[in-house]
């Protein structure tokens, strides 16, 4: 009986970690962030634990190494420090506070396009965030991309359809549509599907002489599993630029009924094994 209880407790503990995930002391708002030249963006980073010593920001441009932007010292009069070109420019600033370290970039430029990582140093380890990708673009043709729904919570085995609406504005050229997925791991967003040239359902605006048209693209996802959890982005390449949608956060949960059934089945199997063991022990005792 003791062994059965131990196995059940271990199984429940494992199931809890599968559903809830491992606890982390650091949370960085991840994903793709689009901004126009001249905009102001804020990259957010939250941490917990009174043992944090430092909190830093790093920039990694495509094909380049990590560059240290800033460091915030928790228990020092030094406070916040900006390094190298980030100190020389007045566009970078830190919004610090209890349990937070946000990076603010004003008047963004094309060279600010990069992946930004938040890191927190403790006495015995350093933990990094998953990274946030900043895409700075120069607006052309007044194109807009809208994704719906913003978030969707489903159970494993369910199906869902993600929607992407593109308003082409004054851009009359051909466009291609891509879908990206950014999961909760350390890997960067990867392309999962492309619509190629215009293959969605497009409709011209009713205004006379208006070149603007609206195109709708769908990404169906069937028989979902836990590995499908992540943020899905729609991107359109048109008129010499790439625009990203606001993203759809898809959360796939383990069905509670399935978990309960697994626990019941496991309990029955262990019970039968114990009963067989007891019968064997009783039989051996009678022989003696």
Protein backbone atom coordinates (compact mmCIF):
# COMPACT_ATOMS: atom_id res chain seq x y z
CA UNK A 1 0.00 0.00 0.00
CA UNK A 2 2.84 2.38 0.87
CA UNK A 3 4.43 1.86 -2.56
CA UNK A 4 1.10 2.56 -4.24
CA UNK A 5 0.68 5.82 -2.35
CA UNK A 6 4.22 6.91 -3.25
CA UNK A 7 3.65 6.19 -6.96
CA UNK A 8 0.32 8.07 -6.98
CA UNK A 9 1.85 11.09 -5.25
CA UNK A 10 4.76 11.10 -7.72
CA UNK A 11 2.38 10.83 -10.67
CA UNK A 12 0.24 13.74 -9.40
CA UNK A 13 3.38 15.83 -8.85
CA UNK A 14 4.56 15.09 -12.39
CA UNK A 15 1.12 15.89 -13.82
CA UNK A 16 1.04 19.21 -11.97
CA UNK A 17 4.38 20.24 -13.48
CA UNK A 18 3.23 19.24 -16.97
CA UNK A 19 0.17 21.45 -16.63
CA UNK A 20 1.58 24.35 -14.66
CA UNK A 21 5.16 24.34 -15.91
CA UNK A 22 8.31 24.95 -13.93
CA UNK A 23 8.41 28.05 -11.74
CA UNK A 24 10.67 30.87 -12.84
CA UNK A 25 11.90 33.93 -10.94
CA UNK A 26 11.98 36.05 -14.13
CA UNK A 27 9.23 37.02 -16.54
CA UNK A 28 10.01 38.98 -19.69
CA UNK A 29 7.26 40.01 -22.07
CA UNK A 30 8.28 38.06 -25.14
CA UNK A 31 7.29 37.88 -28.78
CA UNK A 32 7.44 40.23 -31.73
CA UNK A 33 6.97 43.97 -31.28
CA UNK A 34 6.57 46.25 -34.29
CA UNK A 35 7.21 50.00 -34.20
CA UNK A 36 7.53 52.81 -36.72
CA UNK A 37 10.57 55.06 -36.95
CA UNK A 38 10.26 57.76 -34.30
CA UNK A 39 7.99 55.77 -31.98
CA UNK A 40 8.66 55.10 -28.30
CA UNK A 41 8.63 51.49 -27.08
CA UNK A 42 8.93 49.94 -23.64
CA UNK A 43 10.31 46.42 -23.16
CA UNK A 44 9.08 45.02 -19.86
CA UNK A 45 10.84 42.69 -17.43
CA UNK A 46 9.57 41.47 -14.05
CA UNK A 47 11.42 39.45 -11.42
CA UNK A 48 10.72 38.17 -7.93
CA UNK A 49 12.82 37.19 -4.97
CA UNK A 50 14.62 39.43 -2.51
CA UNK A 51 17.95 37.74 -3.31
CA UNK A 52 18.27 39.45 -6.73
CA UNK A 53 21.56 41.38 -6.94
CA UNK A 54 21.54 42.86 -10.46
CA UNK A 55 19.15 43.24 -13.38
CA UNK A 56 20.52 43.88 -16.88
CA UNK A 57 19.39 44.41 -20.47
CA UNK A 58 21.16 43.02 -23.55
CA UNK A 59 20.76 43.69 -27.26
CA UNK A 60 21.51 41.12 -29.96
CA UNK A 61 21.31 42.29 -33.56
CA UNK A 62 20.97 39.71 -36.32
CA UNK A 63 24.28 37.85 -36.68
CA UNK A 64 25.90 39.79 -33.84
CA UNK A 65 26.89 38.95 -30.27
CA UNK A 66 25.13 40.09 -27.12
CA UNK A 67 25.78 43.73 -26.25
CA UNK A 68 25.26 44.90 -22.68
CA UNK A 69 22.90 47.89 -22.55
CA UNK A 70 22.41 48.53 -18.85
CA UNK A 71 22.76 47.13 -15.35
CA UNK A 72 20.66 47.98 -12.31
CA UNK A 73 22.34 47.29 -8.94
CA UNK A 74 19.91 46.43 -6.14
CA UNK A 75 22.11 47.01 -3.08
CA UNK A 76 24.49 49.70 -4.25
CA UNK A 77 24.52 53.48 -4.48
CA UNK A 78 25.58 53.04 -8.12
CA UNK A 79 21.95 52.50 -9.10
CA UNK A 80 21.47 52.23 -12.87
CA UNK A 81 24.31 52.19 -15.40
CA UNK A 82 24.11 52.53 -19.21
CA UNK A 83 27.08 51.39 -21.30
CA UNK A 84 28.92 52.56 -24.44
CA UNK A 85 26.73 53.97 -27.22
CA UNK A 86 23.60 53.42 -25.14
CA UNK A 87 24.94 55.90 -22.60
CA UNK A 88 25.94 58.44 -25.25
CA UNK A 89 22.45 58.46 -26.76
CA UNK A 90 19.63 59.92 -24.73
CA UNK A 91 17.11 57.57 -26.32
CA UNK A 92 17.66 54.69 -23.87
CA UNK A 93 16.42 54.82 -20.28
CA UNK A 94 15.54 52.42 -17.47
CA UNK A 95 12.27 52.37 -15.58
CA UNK A 96 13.20 50.49 -12.42
CA UNK A 97 11.31 49.67 -9.27
CA UNK A 98 10.45 46.89 -6.86
CA UNK A 99 10.44 43.69 -8.88
CA UNK A 100 10.68 45.34 -12.30
CA UNK A 101 13.27 46.59 -14.78
CA UNK A 102 11.79 48.05 -17.97
CA UNK A 103 13.83 49.31 -20.95
CA UNK A 104 12.44 52.41 -22.66
CA UNK A 105 13.63 53.34 -26.16
CA UNK A 106 12.45 56.67 -27.52
CA UNK A 107 12.62 57.89 -31.12
CA UNK A 108 13.41 54.38 -32.38
CA UNK A 109 15.59 53.91 -35.46
CA UNK A 110 15.99 51.09 -37.97
CA UNK A 111 19.23 50.07 -36.21
CA UNK A 112 17.21 49.35 -33.05
CA UNK A 113 15.73 46.28 -34.74
CA UNK A 114 17.10 43.38 -32.67
CA UNK A 115 16.32 40.82 -29.98
CA UNK A 116 16.42 42.22 -26.45
CA UNK A 117 17.08 40.01 -23.41
CA UNK A 118 16.50 40.79 -19.75
CA UNK A 119 18.78 39.06 -17.23
CA UNK A 120 18.65 38.91 -13.43
CA UNK A 121 21.68 38.00 -11.34
CA UNK A 122 21.36 36.19 -8.02
CA UNK A 123 24.04 35.12 -5.57
CA UNK A 124 24.28 31.66 -7.12
CA UNK A 125 22.91 31.98 -10.67
CA UNK A 126 21.95 34.25 -13.58
CA UNK A 127 18.56 33.85 -15.25
CA UNK A 128 17.69 35.21 -18.70
CA UNK A 129 14.32 36.03 -20.19
CA UNK A 130 13.10 34.45 -23.41
CA UNK A 131 13.81 37.54 -25.48
CA UNK A 132 11.64 40.14 -27.20
CA UNK A 133 12.10 40.90 -30.89
CA UNK A 134 11.75 44.55 -31.88
CA UNK A 135 10.99 45.17 -35.56
CA UNK A 136 11.37 48.84 -36.52
CA UNK A 137 9.88 49.68 -39.90
CA UNK A 138 9.36 52.63 -42.17
CA UNK A 139 5.69 52.90 -42.98
CA UNK A 140 4.87 52.63 -46.68
CA UNK A 141 1.56 52.25 -48.44
CA UNK A 142 -0.48 52.48 -45.21
CA UNK A 143 -0.77 48.68 -44.81
CA UNK A 144 -2.28 47.29 -41.60
CA UNK A 145 -2.42 43.75 -40.17
CA UNK A 146 -5.01 42.66 -37.60
CA UNK A 147 -5.17 39.27 -35.88
CA UNK A 148 -8.12 37.73 -34.10
CA UNK A 149 -8.66 36.42 -31.52
CA UNK A 150 -6.04 38.05 -29.29
CA UNK A 151 -5.99 34.97 -27.05
CA UNK A 152 -7.57 31.54 -27.16
CA UNK A 153 -7.70 28.84 -24.47
CA UNK A 154 -8.54 25.30 -25.60
CA UNK A 155 -8.07 21.71 -24.45
CA UNK A 156 -5.90 19.07 -26.05
CA UNK A 157 -7.65 17.41 -28.97
CA UNK A 158 -9.69 20.52 -29.81
CA UNK A 159 -9.52 22.52 -33.05
CA UNK A 160 -9.22 26.26 -33.59
CA UNK A 161 -8.95 28.69 -36.53
CA UNK A 162 -6.68 31.73 -36.31
CA UNK A 163 -7.66 34.78 -38.35
CA UNK A 164 -5.50 37.42 -40.03
CA UNK A 165 -6.99 40.46 -41.80
CA UNK A 166 -4.80 42.62 -44.06
CA UNK A 167 -5.78 46.07 -45.29
CA UNK A 168 -3.50 46.89 -48.22
CA UNK A 169 -4.06 50.65 -48.16
CA UNK A 170 -2.49 52.38 -51.16
CA UNK A 171 -0.11 49.46 -51.82
CA UNK A 172 -1.29 47.78 -55.03
CA UNK A 173 1.55 45.25 -55.39
CA UNK A 174 1.40 41.53 -54.71
CA UNK A 175 1.85 40.37 -51.14
CA UNK A 176 2.80 37.14 -49.40
CA UNK A 177 1.55 35.99 -46.00
CA UNK A 178 3.52 33.98 -43.45
CA UNK A 179 2.64 32.47 -40.07
CA UNK A 180 5.15 32.26 -37.23
CA UNK A 181 4.96 30.55 -33.85
CA UNK A 182 6.86 31.64 -30.75
CA UNK A 183 6.66 29.01 -28.00
CA UNK A 184 7.56 29.29 -24.34
CA UNK A 185 11.01 27.78 -24.88
CA UNK A 186 14.27 29.51 -25.70
CA UNK A 187 14.04 29.00 -29.45
CA UNK A 188 13.29 32.07 -31.62
CA UNK A 189 10.03 32.30 -33.60
CA UNK A 190 9.99 29.94 -36.59
CA UNK A 191 7.93 29.99 -39.76
CA UNK A 192 5.26 27.30 -39.75
CA UNK A 193 3.16 28.13 -42.80
CA UNK A 194 3.06 30.44 -45.82
CA UNK A 195 0.13 31.38 -48.01
CA UNK A 196 2.43 32.40 -50.84
CA UNK A 197 1.05 35.07 -53.15
CA UNK A 198 -2.49 36.29 -52.60
CA UNK A 199 -4.49 33.16 -51.90
CA UNK A 200 -6.81 34.56 -49.24
CA UNK A 201 -10.27 35.98 -49.69
CA UNK A 202 -9.81 39.58 -50.83
CA UNK A 203 -12.46 42.25 -51.27
CA UNK A 204 -12.11 45.82 -52.54
CA UNK A 205 -13.46 48.69 -50.50
CA UNK A 206 -16.76 50.08 -51.85
CA UNK A 207 -15.41 53.63 -52.14
CA UNK A 208 -15.19 54.60 -55.79
CA UNK A 209 -11.64 54.73 -57.08
CA UNK A 210 -10.16 53.47 -53.79
CA UNK A 211 -7.28 50.98 -54.29
CA UNK A 212 -7.65 49.72 -50.70
CA UNK A 213 -8.71 46.12 -50.32
CA UNK A 214 -9.13 43.81 -47.34
CA UNK A 215 -7.80 40.24 -47.44
CA UNK A 216 -8.61 37.56 -44.86
CA UNK A 217 -6.32 34.59 -44.19
CA UNK A 218 -7.09 31.68 -41.88
CA UNK A 219 -4.78 29.19 -40.20
CA UNK A 220 -6.73 26.09 -39.06
CA UNK A 221 -5.21 24.05 -36.23
CA UNK A 222 -6.72 20.63 -35.56
CA UNK A 223 -6.23 17.97 -32.89
CA UNK A 224 -4.20 20.33 -30.72
CA UNK A 225 -1.61 19.10 -28.22
CA UNK A 226 0.46 20.76 -25.49
CA UNK A 227 3.28 21.32 -27.99
CA UNK A 228 1.00 23.68 -29.97
CA UNK A 229 0.96 26.21 -27.10
CA UNK A 230 2.55 29.53 -28.06
CA UNK A 231 1.99 32.90 -29.68
CA UNK A 232 1.12 32.83 -33.39
CA UNK A 233 2.02 35.80 -35.59
CA UNK A 234 0.76 36.67 -39.05
CA UNK A 235 3.22 38.60 -41.25
CA UNK A 236 2.73 40.16 -44.68
CA UNK A 237 5.50 41.02 -47.14
CA UNK A 238 4.42 43.77 -49.51
CA UNK A 239 5.75 46.96 -51.11
CA UNK A 240 9.28 46.35 -49.84
CA UNK A 241 8.43 45.87 -46.16
CA UNK A 242 7.34 43.18 -43.70
CA UNK A 243 4.54 43.90 -41.23
CA UNK A 244 3.61 41.69 -38.28
CA UNK A 245 0.23 41.27 -36.66
CA UNK A 246 -0.39 41.75 -32.96
CA UNK A 247 -0.25 38.00 -32.34
CA UNK A 248 -2.67 35.40 -31.01
CA UNK A 249 -1.77 33.70 -27.74
CA UNK A 250 -2.89 30.05 -27.94
CA UNK A 251 -2.96 28.10 -24.68
CA UNK A 252 -3.57 24.35 -24.85
CA UNK A 253 -4.56 22.73 -21.56
CA UNK A 254 -4.75 19.09 -20.54
CA UNK A 255 -8.37 18.05 -20.24
CA UNK A 256 -9.22 17.56 -16.57
CA UNK A 257 -11.29 14.49 -17.36
CA UNK A 258 -8.30 12.82 -19.04
CA UNK A 259 -6.11 13.51 -16.00
CA UNK A 260 -8.69 12.05 -13.62
CA UNK A 261 -9.11 8.95 -15.79
CA UNK A 262 -5.34 8.42 -15.88
CA UNK A 263 -5.12 8.65 -12.09
CA UNK A 264 -8.03 6.21 -11.64
CA UNK A 265 -6.55 3.72 -14.12
CA UNK A 266 -3.14 3.95 -12.47
CA UNK A 267 -4.70 3.45 -9.03
CA UNK A 268 -6.58 0.34 -10.21
CA UNK A 269 -3.45 -1.14 -11.75
CA UNK A 270 -1.44 -0.58 -8.57
CA UNK A 271 -4.27 -2.01 -6.45
CA UNK A 272 -4.42 -5.18 -8.55
CA UNK A 273 -0.65 -5.57 -8.38
CA UNK A 274 -0.75 -5.30 -4.58
CA UNK A 275 -3.61 -7.83 -4.39
CA UNK A 276 -1.67 -10.30 -6.53
CA UNK A 277 1.39 -9.82 -4.34
CA UNK A 278 -0.66 -10.42 -1.17
CA UNK A 279 -2.19 -13.61 -2.63
CA UNK A 280 1.24 -14.92 -3.55
CA UNK A 281 2.46 -14.18 -0.03
CA UNK A 282 -0.58 -15.97 1.46
CA UNK A 283 -0.02 -19.00 -0.76
CA UNK A 284 3.61 -19.26 0.26
CA UNK A 285 2.64 -19.01 3.94
CA UNK A 286 0.13 -21.88 3.60
CA UNK A 287 2.76 -24.07 1.95
CA UNK A 288 5.08 -23.42 4.87
